[in-house]
Protein backbone atom coordinates (compact mmCIF):
# COMPACT_ATOMS: atom_id res chain seq x y z
CA MET A 1 98.91 84.81 94.75
CA ASN A 2 100.70 83.11 91.96
CA PHE A 3 99.12 79.69 91.51
CA GLN A 4 100.29 77.21 88.97
CA ALA A 5 98.19 74.35 87.65
CA LYS A 6 100.31 71.81 89.50
CA ASP A 7 99.75 73.70 92.78
CA LEU A 8 96.01 73.47 92.31
CA MET A 9 96.24 69.82 91.40
CA GLU A 10 98.18 69.26 94.64
CA LEU A 11 95.36 70.94 96.54
CA VAL A 12 92.95 68.49 94.96
CA GLY A 13 95.07 65.54 96.03
CA GLU A 14 97.61 63.05 94.80
CA LYS A 15 95.05 60.62 93.46
CA LYS A 16 93.52 61.12 90.06
CA PRO A 17 90.84 63.80 90.39
CA THR A 18 87.24 62.77 90.01
CA ASN A 19 85.13 64.61 87.47
CA PRO A 20 83.66 67.12 89.96
CA ARG A 21 87.13 67.82 91.38
CA LYS A 22 88.62 68.21 87.92
CA LYS A 23 85.81 70.54 86.88
CA PHE A 24 86.34 72.60 90.02
CA VAL A 25 90.07 72.95 89.34
CA ILE A 26 89.46 73.89 85.72
CA ARG A 27 86.87 76.51 86.75
CA LEU A 28 89.27 77.88 89.36
CA LEU A 29 92.10 78.11 86.82
CA ASN A 30 89.80 79.85 84.34
CA CYS A 31 88.69 82.36 86.98
CA ILE A 32 92.30 83.14 87.90
CA ARG A 33 93.21 83.55 84.22
CA ASP A 34 90.22 85.84 83.63
CA LEU A 35 91.05 87.94 86.67
CA ARG A 36 94.63 88.37 85.54
CA SER A 37 93.67 89.32 81.98
CA ASN A 38 90.86 91.66 83.06
CA GLU A 39 92.62 93.30 85.99
CA SER A 40 92.53 96.81 84.49
CA LEU A 41 88.94 96.32 83.36
CA ASN A 42 87.93 95.13 86.82
CA ARG A 43 89.63 98.16 88.39
CA LYS A 44 87.64 100.45 86.08
CA GLN A 45 84.41 98.67 87.00
CA ILE A 46 85.19 98.96 90.71
CA ASP A 47 86.00 102.67 90.33
CA TYR A 48 82.74 103.22 88.43
CA LEU A 49 80.71 101.37 91.07
CA LEU A 50 82.37 103.39 93.85
CA TYR A 51 81.52 106.57 91.95
CA GLN A 52 77.90 105.45 91.60
CA ILE A 53 77.72 104.71 95.34
CA GLU A 54 79.08 108.18 96.14
CA GLN A 55 76.53 109.80 93.81
CA ARG A 56 73.70 107.81 95.38
CA ASP A 57 74.83 108.81 98.88
CA LYS A 58 74.91 112.49 97.85
CA MET A 59 71.42 112.22 96.38
CA ILE A 60 70.11 110.54 99.54
CA ASP A 61 71.64 113.30 101.69
CA GLU A 62 70.09 116.01 99.49
CA LEU A 63 66.67 114.35 99.63
CA ARG A 64 66.95 113.97 103.40
CA GLU A 65 67.77 117.69 103.77
CA LYS A 66 64.84 118.65 101.50
CA ASN A 67 62.48 116.41 103.47
CA ILE A 68 63.63 117.91 106.78
CA ALA A 69 63.18 121.44 105.39
CA LEU A 70 59.73 120.60 104.05
CA LEU A 71 58.70 118.96 107.33
CA SER A 72 59.85 121.93 109.40
CA GLN A 73 58.03 124.28 107.02
CA ARG A 74 54.81 122.29 107.39
CA LEU A 75 55.21 122.20 111.16
CA SER A 76 55.65 125.97 111.32
CA GLU A 77 52.52 126.53 109.20
CA HIS A 78 50.27 124.64 111.63
CA LYS A 79 48.86 126.05 114.81
CA PRO A 80 50.62 125.01 118.02
CA PHE A 81 49.26 121.88 119.66
CA GLN A 82 47.42 120.85 116.52
CA ARG A 83 47.64 117.12 115.98
CA LEU A 84 49.80 116.24 113.01
CA ASN A 85 50.28 112.83 111.45
CA ILE A 86 53.92 112.45 110.49
CA VAL A 87 55.12 109.34 108.74
CA ALA A 88 58.87 108.90 108.69
C-alpha cells in the first residue's frame, strides 16, 4: 500500500475534516511513516518473537514428556487396583 496524504484526506471526505477526523488522519499517517521507517526493526522483533514461541513450545513438550514419564513411573510403583488420585 502506498498511501499519500491526499488519498487519506479523500477517504475522510471532501468537506473540511473535523478535529477528530483530522486527528485520526494524522495518527494514521504517523503510523504508516513509523512502519515504513522501522520495517527492518519490526522484522527483527517478529523474528525474535517467533523464536521465543518456538522455544516455549519446545519447553512445554519437554515438560509434558517428563510429566508422562513421571506419571507412568508412579503408576508402575503402586500395586494393581490401588486407588490413585491423578490430577491432570
